[in-house]
Amino acid sequence: LLFDLLTAEEDTIYENRFNIGLLTERLVTATKEMINLPATSGMELG
């Protein structure tokens, strides 16, 4: 899964690129989505 952690608008704000808390929150959200998605549910994640 290759995806954008920030929207195009958010990425224009330089500080967002180093906001590890925000990036982590987005990554956790995407991971949980993959856990619940039928096509990827049950897969080992890295």
All heavy atoms as atom14 arrays in JSON, in Angstrom:
{
  "sequence": "LLFDLLTAEEDTIYENRFNIGLLTERLVTATKEMINLPATSGMELG",
  "atom14_mask": [
    [1, 1, 1, 1, 1, 1, 1, 1, 0, 0, 0, 0, 0, 0],
    [1, 1, 1, 1, 1, 1, 1, 1, 0, 0, 0, 0, 0, 0],
    [1, 1, 1, 1, 1, 1, 1, 1, 1, 1, 1, 0, 0, 0],
    [1, 1, 1, 1, 1, 1, 1, 1, 0, 0, 0, 0, 0, 0],
    [1, 1, 1, 1, 1, 1, 1, 1, 0, 0, 0, 0, 0, 0],
    [1, 1, 1, 1, 1, 1, 1, 1, 0, 0, 0, 0, 0, 0],
    [1, 1, 1, 1, 1, 1, 1, 0, 0, 0, 0, 0, 0, 0],
    [1, 1, 1, 1, 1, 0, 0, 0, 0, 0, 0, 0, 0, 0],
    [1, 1, 1, 1, 1, 1, 1, 1, 1, 0, 0, 0, 0, 0],
    [1, 1, 1, 1, 1, 1, 1, 1, 1, 0, 0, 0, 0, 0],
    [1, 1, 1, 1, 1, 1, 1, 1, 0, 0, 0, 0, 0, 0],
    [1, 1, 1, 1, 1, 1, 1, 0, 0, 0, 0, 0, 0, 0],
    [1, 1, 1, 1, 1, 1, 1, 1, 0, 0, 0, 0, 0, 0],
    [1, 1, 1, 1, 1, 1, 1, 1, 1, 1, 1, 1, 0, 0],
    [1, 1, 1, 1, 1, 1, 1, 1, 1, 0, 0, 0, 0, 0],
    [1, 1, 1, 1, 1, 1, 1, 1, 0, 0, 0, 0, 0, 0],
    [1, 1, 1, 1, 1, 1, 1, 1, 1, 1, 1, 0, 0, 0],
    [1, 1, 1, 1, 1, 1, 1, 1, 1, 1, 1, 0, 0, 0],
    [1, 1, 1, 1, 1, 1, 1, 1, 0, 0, 0, 0, 0, 0],
    [1, 1, 1, 1, 1, 1, 1, 1, 0, 0, 0, 0, 0, 0],
    [1, 1, 1, 1, 0, 0, 0, 0, 0, 0, 0, 0, 0, 0],
    [1, 1, 1, 1, 1, 1, 1, 1, 0, 0, 0, 0, 0, 0],
    [1, 1, 1, 1, 1, 1, 1, 1, 0, 0, 0, 0, 0, 0],
    [1, 1, 1, 1, 1, 1, 1, 0, 0, 0, 0, 0, 0, 0],
    [1, 1, 1, 1, 1, 1, 1, 1, 1, 0, 0, 0, 0, 0],
    [1, 1, 1, 1, 1, 1, 1, 1, 1, 1, 1, 0, 0, 0],
    [1, 1, 1, 1, 1, 1, 1, 1, 0, 0, 0, 0, 0, 0],
    [1, 1, 1, 1, 1, 1, 1, 0, 0, 0, 0, 0, 0, 0],
    [1, 1, 1, 1, 1, 1, 1, 0, 0, 0, 0, 0, 0, 0],
    [1, 1, 1, 1, 1, 0, 0, 0, 0, 0, 0, 0, 0, 0],
    [1, 1, 1, 1, 1, 1, 1, 0, 0, 0, 0, 0, 0, 0],
    [1, 1, 1, 1, 1, 1, 1, 1, 1, 0, 0, 0, 0, 0],
    [1, 1, 1, 1, 1, 1, 1, 1, 1, 0, 0, 0, 0, 0],
    [1, 1, 1, 1, 1, 1, 1, 1, 0, 0, 0, 0, 0, 0],
    [1, 1, 1, 1, 1, 1, 1, 1, 0, 0, 0, 0, 0, 0],
    [1, 1, 1, 1, 1, 1, 1, 1, 0, 0, 0, 0, 0, 0],
    [1, 1, 1, 1, 1, 1, 1, 1, 0, 0, 0, 0, 0, 0],
    [1, 1, 1, 1, 1, 1, 1, 0, 0, 0, 0, 0, 0, 0],
    [1, 1, 1, 1, 1, 0, 0, 0, 0, 0, 0, 0, 0, 0],
    [1, 1, 1, 1, 1, 1, 1, 0, 0, 0, 0, 0, 0, 0],
    [1, 1, 1, 1, 1, 1, 0, 0, 0, 0, 0, 0, 0, 0],
    [1, 1, 1, 1, 0, 0, 0, 0, 0, 0, 0, 0, 0, 0],
    [1, 1, 1, 1, 1, 1, 1, 1, 0, 0, 0, 0, 0, 0],
    [1, 1, 1, 1, 1, 1, 1, 1, 1, 0, 0, 0, 0, 0],
    [1, 1, 1, 1, 1, 1, 1, 1, 0, 0, 0, 0, 0, 0],
    [1, 1, 1, 1, 0, 0, 0, 0, 0, 0, 0, 0, 0, 0]
  ],
  "atom14_positions": [
    [[0.86, -1.18, 0.0], [0.0, 0.0, 0.0], [0.9, 1.23, 0.0], [1.63, 1.47, 0.96], [-0.91, 0.02, 1.22], [-1.76, 1.3, 1.36], [-2.79, 1.4, 0.24], [-2.45, 1.38, 2.72], [0.0, 0.0, 0.0], [0.0, 0.0, 0.0], [0.0, 0.0, 0.0], [0.0, 0.0, 0.0], [0.0, 0.0, 0.0], [0.0, 0.0, 0.0]],
    [[0.87, 1.98, -1.1], [1.54, 3.26, -1.18], [0.48, 4.34, -1.13], [-0.44, 4.34, -1.96], [2.38, 3.38, -2.45], [3.61, 2.48, -2.49], [3.37, 1.27, -3.37], [4.83, 3.25, -2.95], [0.0, 0.0, 0.0], [0.0, 0.0, 0.0], [0.0, 0.0, 0.0], [0.0, 0.0, 0.0], [0.0, 0.0, 0.0], [0.0, 0.0, 0.0]],
    [[0.58, 5.24, -0.17], [-0.46, 6.26, 0.01], [0.16, 7.53, 0.55], [1.3, 7.55, 1.02], [-1.55, 5.74, 0.95], [-1.09, 5.54, 2.37], [-1.46, 6.42, 3.36], [-0.29, 4.45, 2.71], [-1.04, 6.25, 4.66], [0.14, 4.26, 4.01], [-0.24, 5.17, 5.0], [0.0, 0.0, 0.0], [0.0, 0.0, 0.0], [0.0, 0.0, 0.0]],
    [[-0.6, 8.61, 0.46], [-0.13, 9.91, 0.93], [-0.61, 10.14, 2.36], [-1.82, 10.12, 2.63], [-0.64, 11.02, 0.03], [-0.06, 10.94, -1.38], [1.09, 10.5, -1.5], [-0.76, 11.33, -2.34], [0.0, 0.0, 0.0], [0.0, 0.0, 0.0], [0.0, 0.0, 0.0], [0.0, 0.0, 0.0], [0.0, 0.0, 0.0], [0.0, 0.0, 0.0]],
    [[0.34, 10.37, 3.25], [0.0, 10.64, 4.63], [-0.62, 12.02, 4.8], [-1.4, 12.25, 5.72], [1.25, 10.53, 5.51], [1.85, 9.14, 5.64], [3.25, 9.23, 6.25], [0.98, 8.23, 6.47], [0.0, 0.0, 0.0], [0.0, 0.0, 0.0], [0.0, 0.0, 0.0], [0.0, 0.0, 0.0], [0.0, 0.0, 0.0], [0.0, 0.0, 0.0]],
    [[-0.26, 12.94, 3.91], [-0.78, 14.3, 3.96], [-1.53, 14.61, 2.66], [-1.19, 14.07, 1.61], [0.36, 15.32, 4.13], [1.23, 15.19, 5.38], [2.41, 16.15, 5.29], [0.41, 15.46, 6.65], [0.0, 0.0, 0.0], [0.0, 0.0, 0.0], [0.0, 0.0, 0.0], [0.0, 0.0, 0.0], [0.0, 0.0, 0.0], [0.0, 0.0, 0.0]],
    [[-2.51, 15.49, 2.74], [-3.15, 15.98, 1.53], [-2.21, 16.94, 0.82], [-1.21, 17.41, 1.41], [-4.47, 16.7, 1.85], [-4.16, 17.9, 2.6], [-5.39, 15.82, 2.67], [0.0, 0.0, 0.0], [0.0, 0.0, 0.0], [0.0, 0.0, 0.0], [0.0, 0.0, 0.0], [0.0, 0.0, 0.0], [0.0, 0.0, 0.0], [0.0, 0.0, 0.0]],
    [[-2.5, 17.25, -0.42], [-1.65, 18.18, -1.18], [-1.58, 19.53, -0.48], [-0.52, 20.17, -0.42], [-2.19, 18.33, -2.6], [0.0, 0.0, 0.0], [0.0, 0.0, 0.0], [0.0, 0.0, 0.0], [0.0, 0.0, 0.0], [0.0, 0.0, 0.0], [0.0, 0.0, 0.0], [0.0, 0.0, 0.0], [0.0, 0.0, 0.0], [0.0, 0.0, 0.0]],
    [[-2.69, 19.96, 0.07], [-2.73, 21.25, 0.78], [-1.9, 21.19, 2.06], [-1.13, 22.12, 2.36], [-4.17, 21.63, 1.09], [-4.3, 22.99, 1.77], [-5.76, 23.37, 2.04], [-6.65, 22.62, 1.6], [-5.98, 24.42, 2.67], [0.0, 0.0, 0.0], [0.0, 0.0, 0.0], [0.0, 0.0, 0.0], [0.0, 0.0, 0.0], [0.0, 0.0, 0.0]],
    [[-2.05, 20.1, 2.81], [-1.29, 19.96, 4.06], [0.2, 19.92, 3.79], [1.01, 20.42, 4.58], [-1.73, 18.7, 4.79], [-3.11, 18.76, 5.39], [-3.57, 17.42, 5.93], [-3.08, 16.38, 5.43], [-4.41, 17.41, 6.85], [0.0, 0.0, 0.0], [0.0, 0.0, 0.0], [0.0, 0.0, 0.0], [0.0, 0.0, 0.0], [0.0, 0.0, 0.0]],
    [[0.58, 19.31, 2.67], [2.01, 19.15, 2.36], [2.68, 20.47, 2.02], [3.91, 20.58, 2.06], [2.17, 18.17, 1.19], [3.61, 17.7, 1.03], [4.19, 17.22, 2.03], [4.17, 17.85, -0.07], [0.0, 0.0, 0.0], [0.0, 0.0, 0.0], [0.0, 0.0, 0.0], [0.0, 0.0, 0.0], [0.0, 0.0, 0.0], [0.0, 0.0, 0.0]],
    [[1.9, 21.49, 1.68], [2.48, 22.79, 1.39], [2.95, 23.49, 2.67], [3.72, 24.44, 2.6], [1.47, 23.7, 0.67], [0.34, 23.94, 1.53], [1.0, 23.07, -0.63], [0.0, 0.0, 0.0], [0.0, 0.0, 0.0], [0.0, 0.0, 0.0], [0.0, 0.0, 0.0], [0.0, 0.0, 0.0], [0.0, 0.0, 0.0], [0.0, 0.0, 0.0]],
    [[2.48, 23.02, 3.82], [2.92, 23.58, 5.1], [4.12, 22.77, 5.58], [4.0, 21.6, 5.95], [1.78, 23.52, 6.14], [0.55, 24.28, 5.61], [2.24, 24.08, 7.47], [-0.68, 24.14, 6.49], [0.0, 0.0, 0.0], [0.0, 0.0, 0.0], [0.0, 0.0, 0.0], [0.0, 0.0, 0.0], [0.0, 0.0, 0.0], [0.0, 0.0, 0.0]],
    [[5.28, 23.39, 5.54], [6.53, 22.68, 5.8], [6.52, 21.96, 7.15], [7.02, 20.83, 7.26], [7.7, 23.66, 5.73], [9.05, 23.02, 5.87], [9.63, 22.32, 4.81], [9.77, 23.11, 7.06], [10.87, 21.73, 4.93], [11.01, 22.52, 7.19], [11.56, 21.83, 6.13], [12.79, 21.24, 6.26], [0.0, 0.0, 0.0], [0.0, 0.0, 0.0]],
    [[5.96, 22.59, 8.16], [5.98, 22.0, 9.5], [5.25, 20.66, 9.55], [5.59, 19.79, 10.36], [5.37, 22.98, 10.51], [6.21, 24.21, 10.81], [6.17, 25.24, 9.68], [5.3, 25.11, 8.78], [6.99, 26.16, 9.7], [0.0, 0.0, 0.0], [0.0, 0.0, 0.0], [0.0, 0.0, 0.0], [0.0, 0.0, 0.0], [0.0, 0.0, 0.0]],
    [[4.24, 20.5, 8.7], [3.48, 19.24, 8.7], [4.35, 18.05, 8.33], [4.12, 16.92, 8.79], [2.31, 19.32, 7.73], [1.16, 20.14, 8.26], [1.04, 20.35, 9.47], [0.31, 20.64, 7.37], [0.0, 0.0, 0.0], [0.0, 0.0, 0.0], [0.0, 0.0, 0.0], [0.0, 0.0, 0.0], [0.0, 0.0, 0.0], [0.0, 0.0, 0.0]],
    [[5.36, 18.28, 7.5], [6.22, 17.19, 7.05], [7.04, 16.6, 8.19], [7.51, 15.47, 8.1], [7.15, 17.67, 5.94], [6.41, 18.22, 4.73], [7.39, 18.7, 3.68], [6.73, 19.25, 2.51], [7.36, 19.68, 1.43], [8.69, 19.62, 1.37], [6.69, 20.17, 0.41], [0.0, 0.0, 0.0], [0.0, 0.0, 0.0], [0.0, 0.0, 0.0]],
    [[7.22, 17.38, 9.26], [7.99, 16.92, 10.42], [7.11, 16.75, 11.65], [7.63, 16.6, 12.76], [9.13, 17.9, 10.7], [10.19, 17.89, 9.63], [10.07, 18.71, 8.52], [11.28, 17.03, 9.71], [11.03, 18.69, 7.51], [12.24, 17.01, 8.72], [12.12, 17.84, 7.61], [0.0, 0.0, 0.0], [0.0, 0.0, 0.0], [0.0, 0.0, 0.0]],
    [[5.81, 16.77, 11.45], [4.87, 16.56, 12.55], [4.68, 15.06, 12.72], [3.76, 14.45, 12.17], [3.53, 17.25, 12.25], [2.57, 17.21, 13.42], [2.68, 16.35, 14.31], [1.6, 18.12, 13.43], [0.0, 0.0, 0.0], [0.0, 0.0, 0.0], [0.0, 0.0, 0.0], [0.0, 0.0, 0.0], [0.0, 0.0, 0.0], [0.0, 0.0, 0.0]],
    [[5.58, 14.44, 13.46], [5.58, 12.99, 13.58], [4.31, 12.48, 14.24], [3.8, 11.41, 13.88], [6.82, 12.51, 14.37], [8.11, 13.05, 13.74], [6.86, 10.98, 14.42], [8.28, 12.67, 12.28], [0.0, 0.0, 0.0], [0.0, 0.0, 0.0], [0.0, 0.0, 0.0], [0.0, 0.0, 0.0], [0.0, 0.0, 0.0], [0.0, 0.0, 0.0]],
    [[3.75, 13.25, 15.15], [2.49, 12.84, 15.79], [1.37, 12.73, 14.77], [0.6, 11.76, 14.77], [0.0, 0.0, 0.0], [0.0, 0.0, 0.0], [0.0, 0.0, 0.0], [0.0, 0.0, 0.0], [0.0, 0.0, 0.0], [0.0, 0.0, 0.0], [0.0, 0.0, 0.0], [0.0, 0.0, 0.0], [0.0, 0.0, 0.0], [0.0, 0.0, 0.0]],
    [[1.27, 13.72, 13.88], [0.24, 13.71, 12.84], [0.47, 12.57, 11.86], [-0.47, 11.83, 11.5], [0.23, 15.04, 12.09], [-0.69, 15.13, 10.87], [-2.14, 14.92, 11.26], [-0.49, 16.48, 10.16], [0.0, 0.0, 0.0], [0.0, 0.0, 0.0], [0.0, 0.0, 0.0], [0.0, 0.0, 0.0], [0.0, 0.0, 0.0], [0.0, 0.0, 0.0]],
    [[1.72, 12.4, 11.41], [2.03, 11.34, 10.46], [1.77, 9.96, 11.06], [1.26, 9.06, 10.38], [3.49, 11.45, 10.02], [3.89, 12.75, 9.31], [5.39, 12.75, 9.01], [3.09, 12.96, 8.04], [0.0, 0.0, 0.0], [0.0, 0.0, 0.0], [0.0, 0.0, 0.0], [0.0, 0.0, 0.0], [0.0, 0.0, 0.0], [0.0, 0.0, 0.0]],
    [[2.09, 9.8, 12.33], [1.85, 8.53, 13.01], [0.36, 8.24, 13.1], [-0.1, 7.11, 12.85], [2.46, 8.55, 14.42], [3.88, 8.74, 14.31], [2.18, 7.25, 15.16], [0.0, 0.0, 0.0], [0.0, 0.0, 0.0], [0.0, 0.0, 0.0], [0.0, 0.0, 0.0], [0.0, 0.0, 0.0], [0.0, 0.0, 0.0], [0.0, 0.0, 0.0]],
    [[-0.42, 9.25, 13.45], [-1.87, 9.08, 13.55], [-2.46, 8.64, 12.22], [-3.3, 7.73, 12.18], [-2.5, 10.41, 13.98], [-4.01, 10.36, 14.14], [-4.58, 11.71, 14.56], [-3.87, 12.46, 15.27], [-5.72, 12.0, 14.17], [0.0, 0.0, 0.0], [0.0, 0.0, 0.0], [0.0, 0.0, 0.0], [0.0, 0.0, 0.0], [0.0, 0.0, 0.0]],
    [[-1.98, 9.23, 11.12], [-2.49, 8.87, 9.8], [-2.09, 7.43, 9.45], [-2.88, 6.67, 8.88], [-1.95, 9.85, 8.76], [-2.41, 11.29, 8.96], [-3.83, 11.51, 8.48], [-4.32, 12.83, 8.82], [-4.1, 13.94, 8.11], [-3.37, 13.86, 6.99], [-4.58, 15.09, 8.49], [0.0, 0.0, 0.0], [0.0, 0.0, 0.0], [0.0, 0.0, 0.0]],
    [[-0.86, 7.06, 9.78], [-0.38, 5.71, 9.47], [-1.16, 4.67, 10.27], [-1.51, 3.6, 9.74], [1.11, 5.6, 9.75], [1.77, 4.26, 9.43], [1.53, 3.84, 7.99], [3.28, 4.33, 9.73], [0.0, 0.0, 0.0], [0.0, 0.0, 0.0], [0.0, 0.0, 0.0], [0.0, 0.0, 0.0], [0.0, 0.0, 0.0], [0.0, 0.0, 0.0]],
    [[-1.42, 4.94, 11.52], [-2.21, 4.02, 12.35], [-3.61, 3.88, 11.77], [-4.16, 2.76, 11.69], [-2.27, 4.51, 13.82], [-3.32, 3.73, 14.61], [-0.9, 4.38, 14.47], [0.0, 0.0, 0.0], [0.0, 0.0, 0.0], [0.0, 0.0, 0.0], [0.0, 0.0, 0.0], [0.0, 0.0, 0.0], [0.0, 0.0, 0.0], [0.0, 0.0, 0.0]],
    [[-4.2, 5.0, 11.33], [-5.53, 4.96, 10.72], [-5.53, 4.08, 9.47], [-6.43, 3.25, 9.27], [-5.99, 6.38, 10.36], [-6.12, 7.16, 11.55], [-7.33, 6.36, 9.64], [0.0, 0.0, 0.0], [0.0, 0.0, 0.0], [0.0, 0.0, 0.0], [0.0, 0.0, 0.0], [0.0, 0.0, 0.0], [0.0, 0.0, 0.0], [0.0, 0.0, 0.0]],
    [[-4.51, 4.27, 8.62], [-4.42, 3.47, 7.39], [-4.22, 1.99, 7.71], [-4.8, 1.12, 7.04], [-3.27, 3.98, 6.53], [0.0, 0.0, 0.0], [0.0, 0.0, 0.0], [0.0, 0.0, 0.0], [0.0, 0.0, 0.0], [0.0, 0.0, 0.0], [0.0, 0.0, 0.0], [0.0, 0.0, 0.0], [0.0, 0.0, 0.0], [0.0, 0.0, 0.0]],
    [[-3.44, 1.71, 8.73], [-3.19, 0.32, 9.11], [-4.47, -0.36, 9.59], [-4.78, -1.49, 9.2], [-2.12, 0.25, 10.22], [-0.94, 0.93, 9.78], [-1.77, -1.19, 10.55], [0.0, 0.0, 0.0], [0.0, 0.0, 0.0], [0.0, 0.0, 0.0], [0.0, 0.0, 0.0], [0.0, 0.0, 0.0], [0.0, 0.0, 0.0], [0.0, 0.0, 0.0]],
    [[-5.23, 0.34, 10.41], [-6.49, -0.23, 10.9], [-7.47, -0.44, 9.76], [-8.25, -1.4, 9.76], [-7.08, 0.69, 11.98], [-6.27, 0.68, 13.27], [-6.9, 1.58, 14.32], [-6.12, 1.52, 15.64], [-6.71, 2.41, 16.67], [0.0, 0.0, 0.0], [0.0, 0.0, 0.0], [0.0, 0.0, 0.0], [0.0, 0.0, 0.0], [0.0, 0.0, 0.0]],
    [[-7.43, 0.46, 8.77], [-8.29, 0.29, 7.6], [-7.93, -0.99, 6.86], [-8.82, -1.74, 6.4], [-8.13, 1.5, 6.68], [-9.02, 1.48, 5.45], [-10.46, 1.86, 5.74], [-10.76, 2.25, 6.9], [-11.29, 1.78, 4.82], [0.0, 0.0, 0.0], [0.0, 0.0, 0.0], [0.0, 0.0, 0.0], [0.0, 0.0, 0.0], [0.0, 0.0, 0.0]],
    [[-6.63, -1.28, 6.74], [-6.19, -2.5, 6.05], [-6.55, -3.75, 6.86], [-6.87, -4.79, 6.29], [-4.68, -2.45, 5.8], [-4.24, -1.39, 4.8], [-4.94, -1.61, 3.14], [-6.22, -0.32, 3.16], [0.0, 0.0, 0.0], [0.0, 0.0, 0.0], [0.0, 0.0, 0.0], [0.0, 0.0, 0.0], [0.0, 0.0, 0.0], [0.0, 0.0, 0.0]],
    [[-6.51, -3.64, 8.18], [-6.88, -4.77, 9.04], [-8.36, -5.13, 8.84], [-8.74, -6.3, 8.86], [-6.59, -4.44, 10.51], [-5.08, -4.38, 10.75], [-7.24, -5.46, 11.45], [-4.69, -3.91, 12.14], [0.0, 0.0, 0.0], [0.0, 0.0, 0.0], [0.0, 0.0, 0.0], [0.0, 0.0, 0.0], [0.0, 0.0, 0.0], [0.0, 0.0, 0.0]],
    [[-9.19, -4.11, 8.61], [-10.62, -4.33, 8.47], [-11.08, -4.53, 7.03], [-12.22, -4.94, 6.81], [-11.38, -3.14, 9.08], [-11.18, -3.03, 10.59], [-11.15, -4.04, 11.28], [-11.02, -1.82, 11.08], [0.0, 0.0, 0.0], [0.0, 0.0, 0.0], [0.0, 0.0, 0.0], [0.0, 0.0, 0.0], [0.0, 0.0, 0.0], [0.0, 0.0, 0.0]],
    [[-10.22, -4.25, 6.07], [-10.58, -4.39, 4.67], [-10.62, -5.88, 4.3], [-9.65, -6.61, 4.56], [-9.56, -3.66, 3.79], [-9.89, -3.51, 2.3], [-11.04, -2.53, 2.11], [-8.66, -3.02, 1.55], [0.0, 0.0, 0.0], [0.0, 0.0, 0.0], [0.0, 0.0, 0.0], [0.0, 0.0, 0.0], [0.0, 0.0, 0.0], [0.0, 0.0, 0.0]],
    [[-11.7, -6.37, 3.72], [-11.8, -7.81, 3.41], [-10.63, -8.33, 2.59], [-10.15, -9.45, 2.83], [-13.12, -7.91, 2.64], [-13.95, -6.78, 3.16], [-12.97, -5.67, 3.41], [0.0, 0.0, 0.0], [0.0, 0.0, 0.0], [0.0, 0.0, 0.0], [0.0, 0.0, 0.0], [0.0, 0.0, 0.0], [0.0, 0.0, 0.0], [0.0, 0.0, 0.0]],
    [[-10.14, -7.54, 1.63], [-9.07, -8.01, 0.75], [-7.74, -8.21, 1.47], [-6.89, -8.98, 1.03], [-8.88, -7.05, -0.41], [0.0, 0.0, 0.0], [0.0, 0.0, 0.0], [0.0, 0.0, 0.0], [0.0, 0.0, 0.0], [0.0, 0.0, 0.0], [0.0, 0.0, 0.0], [0.0, 0.0, 0.0], [0.0, 0.0, 0.0], [0.0, 0.0, 0.0]],
    [[-7.55, -7.51, 2.59], [-6.27, -7.59, 3.3], [-6.4, -8.07, 4.74], [-5.4, -8.24, 5.43], [-5.57, -6.2, 3.29], [-6.49, -5.21, 3.79], [-5.15, -5.82, 1.88], [0.0, 0.0, 0.0], [0.0, 0.0, 0.0], [0.0, 0.0, 0.0], [0.0, 0.0, 0.0], [0.0, 0.0, 0.0], [0.0, 0.0, 0.0], [0.0, 0.0, 0.0]],
    [[-7.61, -8.27, 5.19], [-7.82, -8.76, 6.56], [-7.15, -10.11, 6.74], [-7.28, -11.01, 5.91], [-9.32, -8.88, 6.83], [-9.55, -9.41, 8.12], [0.0, 0.0, 0.0], [0.0, 0.0, 0.0], [0.0, 0.0, 0.0], [0.0, 0.0, 0.0], [0.0, 0.0, 0.0], [0.0, 0.0, 0.0], [0.0, 0.0, 0.0], [0.0, 0.0, 0.0]],
    [[-6.41, -10.25, 7.81], [-5.72, -11.51, 8.09], [-4.31, -11.56, 7.56], [-3.56, -12.49, 7.89], [0.0, 0.0, 0.0], [0.0, 0.0, 0.0], [0.0, 0.0, 0.0], [0.0, 0.0, 0.0], [0.0, 0.0, 0.0], [0.0, 0.0, 0.0], [0.0, 0.0, 0.0], [0.0, 0.0, 0.0], [0.0, 0.0, 0.0], [0.0, 0.0, 0.0]],
    [[-3.91, -10.58, 6.75], [-2.53, -10.55, 6.25], [-1.58, -10.09, 7.36], [-1.96, -9.29, 8.22], [-2.39, -9.59, 5.07], [-3.0, -10.08, 3.78], [-2.56, -8.97, 2.4], [-3.36, -9.83, 1.03], [0.0, 0.0, 0.0], [0.0, 0.0, 0.0], [0.0, 0.0, 0.0], [0.0, 0.0, 0.0], [0.0, 0.0, 0.0], [0.0, 0.0, 0.0]],
    [[-0.35, -10.58, 7.33], [0.69, -10.06, 8.21], [1.11, -8.69, 7.7], [1.27, -8.5, 6.49], [1.88, -11.01, 8.28], [1.55, -12.33, 8.95], [2.78, -13.14, 9.27], [3.79, -12.96, 8.56], [2.74, -13.94, 10.23], [0.0, 0.0, 0.0], [0.0, 0.0, 0.0], [0.0, 0.0, 0.0], [0.0, 0.0, 0.0], [0.0, 0.0, 0.0]],
    [[1.31, -7.74, 8.61], [1.56, -6.36, 8.23], [2.98, -5.93, 8.58], [3.51, -6.28, 9.64], [0.56, -5.43, 8.92], [-0.93, -5.73, 8.69], [-1.78, -4.77, 9.5], [-1.26, -5.64, 7.21], [0.0, 0.0, 0.0], [0.0, 0.0, 0.0], [0.0, 0.0, 0.0], [0.0, 0.0, 0.0], [0.0, 0.0, 0.0], [0.0, 0.0, 0.0]],
    [[3.58, -5.15, 7.7], [4.89, -4.57, 7.94], [4.93, -3.14, 7.42], [4.07, -2.72, 6.65], [0.0, 0.0, 0.0], [0.0, 0.0, 0.0], [0.0, 0.0, 0.0], [0.0, 0.0, 0.0], [0.0, 0.0, 0.0], [0.0, 0.0, 0.0], [0.0, 0.0, 0.0], [0.0, 0.0, 0.0], [0.0, 0.0, 0.0], [0.0, 0.0, 0.0]]
  ]
}
